[in-house]
Amino acid sequence: MERTTSENDKCVHGSCVGTANSYICMCSEGYTGMYCDKKNESSIICRNLKCFHGQCRFSENGEPYCECAPNFTGEYCDKGYFHMKENN
């Protein structure tokens, strides 16, 4: 892939990368869209939500929350717990 710039470059927040017949925009962090002209709010929100042992997700009403990895709990997935097997 060849990086290029031209007077027709429409990449607002990113780099123009030449293709066979045209170009594509490789967006800077926090931006999305064909021309990197749309702010990617979800990446900013998730970057600010510290999910220690899990991933940032969005509820149906658009609220961010941490989905915890197995054996972790808490608002920020910062509390570990372990299941004890019962001896029969």
N, C-alpha and C. Protein backbone atom coordinates (compact mmCIF):
# COMPACT_ATOMS: atom_id res chain seq x y z
N MET A 1 0.84 -1.18 0.00
CA MET A 1 0.00 0.00 0.00
C MET A 1 0.88 1.24 0.00
N GLU A 2 0.58 2.10 -0.85
CA GLU A 2 1.38 3.30 -0.99
C GLU A 2 0.66 4.49 -0.38
N ARG A 3 1.35 5.19 0.50
CA ARG A 3 0.76 6.41 1.08
C ARG A 3 0.91 7.53 0.07
N THR A 4 -0.16 8.27 -0.07
CA THR A 4 -0.15 9.34 -1.05
C THR A 4 -0.94 10.53 -0.55
N THR A 5 -0.68 11.66 -1.05
CA THR A 5 -1.49 12.84 -0.80
C THR A 5 -1.73 13.50 -2.14
N SER A 6 -2.87 14.09 -2.28
CA SER A 6 -3.19 14.76 -3.52
C SER A 6 -4.14 15.90 -3.24
N GLU A 7 -4.34 16.73 -4.22
CA GLU A 7 -5.27 17.85 -4.02
C GLU A 7 -6.70 17.34 -3.91
N ASN A 8 -6.97 16.10 -4.35
CA ASN A 8 -8.30 15.52 -4.24
C ASN A 8 -8.47 14.71 -2.95
N ASP A 9 -7.46 14.69 -2.10
CA ASP A 9 -7.49 13.95 -0.84
C ASP A 9 -8.60 14.52 0.04
N LYS A 10 -9.56 13.67 0.40
CA LYS A 10 -10.68 14.11 1.22
C LYS A 10 -10.61 13.57 2.64
N CYS A 11 -9.50 12.93 3.01
CA CYS A 11 -9.36 12.36 4.35
C CYS A 11 -9.18 13.51 5.35
N VAL A 12 -10.18 13.69 6.20
CA VAL A 12 -10.18 14.81 7.14
C VAL A 12 -9.26 14.53 8.33
N HIS A 13 -9.45 13.37 8.98
CA HIS A 13 -8.65 13.00 10.16
C HIS A 13 -8.02 11.64 9.92
N GLY A 14 -7.13 11.58 8.95
CA GLY A 14 -6.49 10.31 8.64
C GLY A 14 -5.51 10.46 7.50
N SER A 15 -5.00 9.33 7.05
CA SER A 15 -4.02 9.31 5.98
C SER A 15 -4.63 8.71 4.72
N CYS A 16 -4.27 9.27 3.61
CA CYS A 16 -4.72 8.79 2.31
C CYS A 16 -3.79 7.67 1.85
N VAL A 17 -4.38 6.52 1.49
CA VAL A 17 -3.59 5.38 1.03
C VAL A 17 -4.06 5.03 -0.38
N GLY A 18 -3.13 5.07 -1.33
CA GLY A 18 -3.48 4.79 -2.71
C GLY A 18 -3.82 3.34 -2.95
N THR A 19 -4.82 3.11 -3.80
CA THR A 19 -5.18 1.76 -4.25
C THR A 19 -4.99 1.73 -5.76
N ALA A 20 -5.37 0.66 -6.41
CA ALA A 20 -5.16 0.52 -7.85
C ALA A 20 -5.77 1.67 -8.65
N ASN A 21 -7.01 2.03 -8.33
CA ASN A 21 -7.71 3.05 -9.11
C ASN A 21 -8.12 4.28 -8.31
N SER A 22 -7.91 4.26 -7.02
CA SER A 22 -8.43 5.35 -6.19
C SER A 22 -7.58 5.46 -4.92
N TYR A 23 -8.22 5.71 -3.81
CA TYR A 23 -7.55 5.74 -2.52
C TYR A 23 -8.56 5.43 -1.44
N ILE A 24 -8.07 5.06 -0.26
CA ILE A 24 -8.91 4.88 0.93
C ILE A 24 -8.30 5.71 2.04
N CYS A 25 -9.11 6.02 3.01
CA CYS A 25 -8.64 6.79 4.17
C CYS A 25 -8.39 5.85 5.33
N MET A 26 -7.21 5.92 5.92
CA MET A 26 -6.89 5.19 7.14
C MET A 26 -7.06 6.19 8.27
N CYS A 27 -8.12 6.00 9.07
CA CYS A 27 -8.51 7.00 10.07
C CYS A 27 -7.60 7.03 11.29
N SER A 28 -7.41 8.22 11.82
CA SER A 28 -6.71 8.40 13.09
C SER A 28 -7.61 7.88 14.20
N GLU A 29 -7.02 7.54 15.35
CA GLU A 29 -7.79 7.04 16.48
C GLU A 29 -8.87 8.04 16.86
N GLY A 30 -10.07 7.53 17.09
CA GLY A 30 -11.19 8.38 17.50
C GLY A 30 -12.04 8.86 16.33
N TYR A 31 -11.68 8.48 15.09
CA TYR A 31 -12.45 8.91 13.92
C TYR A 31 -12.83 7.72 13.07
N THR A 32 -13.92 7.86 12.33
CA THR A 32 -14.41 6.80 11.46
C THR A 32 -15.07 7.42 10.24
N GLY A 33 -15.59 6.60 9.37
CA GLY A 33 -16.27 7.07 8.17
C GLY A 33 -15.37 6.99 6.95
N MET A 34 -15.98 7.06 5.78
CA MET A 34 -15.25 6.94 4.53
C MET A 34 -14.12 7.97 4.42
N TYR A 35 -14.37 9.17 4.93
CA TYR A 35 -13.37 10.24 4.86
C TYR A 35 -12.80 10.61 6.24
N CYS A 36 -13.01 9.73 7.22
CA CYS A 36 -12.52 9.97 8.59
C CYS A 36 -13.05 11.30 9.13
N ASP A 37 -14.28 11.59 8.79
CA ASP A 37 -14.88 12.86 9.17
C ASP A 37 -15.90 12.73 10.29
N LYS A 38 -16.09 11.53 10.81
CA LYS A 38 -17.05 11.31 11.89
C LYS A 38 -16.31 10.91 13.15
N LYS A 39 -16.65 11.57 14.25
CA LYS A 39 -16.03 11.26 15.53
C LYS A 39 -16.59 9.93 16.02
N ASN A 40 -15.73 9.02 16.38
CA ASN A 40 -16.12 7.72 16.89
C ASN A 40 -16.26 7.83 18.39
N GLU A 41 -17.42 8.28 18.84
CA GLU A 41 -17.66 8.54 20.26
C GLU A 41 -17.49 7.28 21.10
N SER A 42 -17.85 6.12 20.55
CA SER A 42 -17.77 4.91 21.35
C SER A 42 -16.33 4.60 21.76
N SER A 43 -15.36 4.85 20.88
CA SER A 43 -13.98 4.57 21.26
C SER A 43 -13.51 5.51 22.35
N ILE A 44 -13.98 6.75 22.32
CA ILE A 44 -13.60 7.73 23.35
C ILE A 44 -14.24 7.35 24.68
N ILE A 45 -15.53 7.00 24.64
CA ILE A 45 -16.23 6.61 25.87
C ILE A 45 -15.60 5.36 26.46
N CYS A 46 -15.32 4.37 25.62
CA CYS A 46 -14.74 3.13 26.13
C CYS A 46 -13.32 3.33 26.63
N ARG A 47 -12.58 4.24 26.04
CA ARG A 47 -11.23 4.51 26.52
C ARG A 47 -11.29 5.10 27.93
N ASN A 48 -12.33 5.88 28.23
CA ASN A 48 -12.47 6.51 29.54
C ASN A 48 -13.08 5.58 30.58
N LEU A 49 -13.75 4.51 30.15
CA LEU A 49 -14.33 3.54 31.07
C LEU A 49 -13.29 2.44 31.29
N LYS A 50 -12.75 2.36 32.47
CA LYS A 50 -11.66 1.42 32.77
C LYS A 50 -12.22 0.05 33.14
N CYS A 51 -12.33 -0.83 32.16
CA CYS A 51 -12.73 -2.21 32.41
C CYS A 51 -11.45 -3.03 32.59
N PHE A 52 -11.10 -3.32 33.84
CA PHE A 52 -9.82 -3.96 34.13
C PHE A 52 -9.71 -5.36 33.56
N HIS A 53 -10.75 -6.17 33.73
CA HIS A 53 -10.73 -7.55 33.26
C HIS A 53 -12.02 -7.81 32.47
N GLY A 54 -12.19 -7.08 31.39
CA GLY A 54 -13.39 -7.21 30.59
C GLY A 54 -13.36 -6.24 29.42
N GLN A 55 -14.51 -6.07 28.78
CA GLN A 55 -14.60 -5.19 27.62
C GLN A 55 -15.75 -4.22 27.77
N CYS A 56 -15.58 -3.05 27.22
CA CYS A 56 -16.62 -2.03 27.21
C CYS A 56 -17.69 -2.43 26.20
N ARG A 57 -18.93 -2.39 26.61
CA ARG A 57 -20.08 -2.68 25.76
C ARG A 57 -21.10 -1.56 25.95
N PHE A 58 -22.12 -1.56 25.08
CA PHE A 58 -23.19 -0.57 25.20
C PHE A 58 -24.52 -1.27 25.37
N SER A 59 -25.31 -0.79 26.34
CA SER A 59 -26.64 -1.37 26.57
C SER A 59 -27.57 -0.93 25.44
N GLU A 60 -28.78 -1.49 25.42
CA GLU A 60 -29.76 -1.15 24.40
C GLU A 60 -30.08 0.35 24.38
N ASN A 61 -29.99 1.00 25.55
CA ASN A 61 -30.29 2.44 25.60
C ASN A 61 -29.03 3.29 25.42
N GLY A 62 -27.92 2.66 25.03
CA GLY A 62 -26.71 3.41 24.70
C GLY A 62 -25.76 3.70 25.85
N GLU A 63 -26.03 3.14 27.02
CA GLU A 63 -25.16 3.37 28.18
C GLU A 63 -23.98 2.40 28.15
N PRO A 64 -22.77 2.90 28.38
CA PRO A 64 -21.61 2.00 28.41
C PRO A 64 -21.55 1.22 29.72
N TYR A 65 -21.07 -0.01 29.63
CA TYR A 65 -20.86 -0.83 30.82
C TYR A 65 -19.72 -1.80 30.55
N CYS A 66 -19.19 -2.39 31.60
CA CYS A 66 -18.12 -3.37 31.46
C CYS A 66 -18.72 -4.78 31.47
N GLU A 67 -18.39 -5.55 30.45
CA GLU A 67 -18.75 -6.96 30.42
C GLU A 67 -17.52 -7.73 30.90
N CYS A 68 -17.66 -8.37 32.05
CA CYS A 68 -16.50 -8.97 32.72
C CYS A 68 -16.10 -10.32 32.14
N ALA A 69 -14.80 -10.58 32.18
CA ALA A 69 -14.26 -11.89 31.82
C ALA A 69 -14.65 -12.88 32.92
N PRO A 70 -14.61 -14.18 32.61
CA PRO A 70 -14.93 -15.18 33.64
C PRO A 70 -14.07 -14.97 34.89
N ASN A 71 -14.68 -15.19 36.03
CA ASN A 71 -14.05 -15.08 37.35
C ASN A 71 -13.80 -13.64 37.80
N PHE A 72 -14.40 -12.67 37.13
CA PHE A 72 -14.29 -11.27 37.56
C PHE A 72 -15.67 -10.64 37.62
N THR A 73 -15.83 -9.70 38.53
CA THR A 73 -17.10 -9.03 38.72
C THR A 73 -16.84 -7.59 39.15
N GLY A 74 -17.89 -6.85 39.39
CA GLY A 74 -17.78 -5.45 39.81
C GLY A 74 -18.05 -4.52 38.64
N GLU A 75 -18.35 -3.29 38.96
CA GLU A 75 -18.67 -2.29 37.94
C GLU A 75 -17.58 -2.17 36.89
N TYR A 76 -16.33 -2.30 37.31
CA TYR A 76 -15.19 -2.17 36.40
C TYR A 76 -14.44 -3.49 36.21
N CYS A 77 -15.09 -4.60 36.56
CA CYS A 77 -14.48 -5.94 36.44
C CYS A 77 -13.16 -6.01 37.19
N ASP A 78 -13.14 -5.41 38.35
CA ASP A 78 -11.91 -5.31 39.13
C ASP A 78 -11.90 -6.22 40.36
N LYS A 79 -12.96 -7.01 40.53
CA LYS A 79 -13.03 -7.91 41.68
C LYS A 79 -13.02 -9.35 41.18
N GLY A 80 -12.03 -10.10 41.63
CA GLY A 80 -11.92 -11.50 41.22
C GLY A 80 -12.68 -12.40 42.17
N TYR A 81 -13.23 -13.47 41.64
CA TYR A 81 -13.84 -14.50 42.47
C TYR A 81 -13.60 -15.85 41.81
N PHE A 82 -13.58 -16.88 42.61
CA PHE A 82 -13.30 -18.21 42.10
C PHE A 82 -14.31 -19.18 42.68
N HIS A 83 -14.81 -20.06 41.85
CA HIS A 83 -15.78 -21.07 42.29
C HIS A 83 -15.01 -22.25 42.87
N MET A 84 -15.43 -22.67 44.04
CA MET A 84 -14.82 -23.83 44.68
C MET A 84 -15.62 -25.07 44.28
N LYS A 85 -14.91 -26.11 43.89
CA LYS A 85 -15.60 -27.37 43.59
C LYS A 85 -15.93 -28.06 44.89
N GLU A 86 -17.13 -28.64 44.93
CA GLU A 86 -17.54 -29.38 46.11
C GLU A 86 -17.00 -30.80 46.02
N ASN A 87 -16.49 -31.31 47.12
CA ASN A 87 -16.03 -32.69 47.19
C ASN A 87 -17.20 -33.58 47.61
N ASN A 88 -17.50 -34.57 46.82
CA ASN A 88 -18.59 -35.49 47.14
C ASN A 88 -18.05 -36.77 47.71
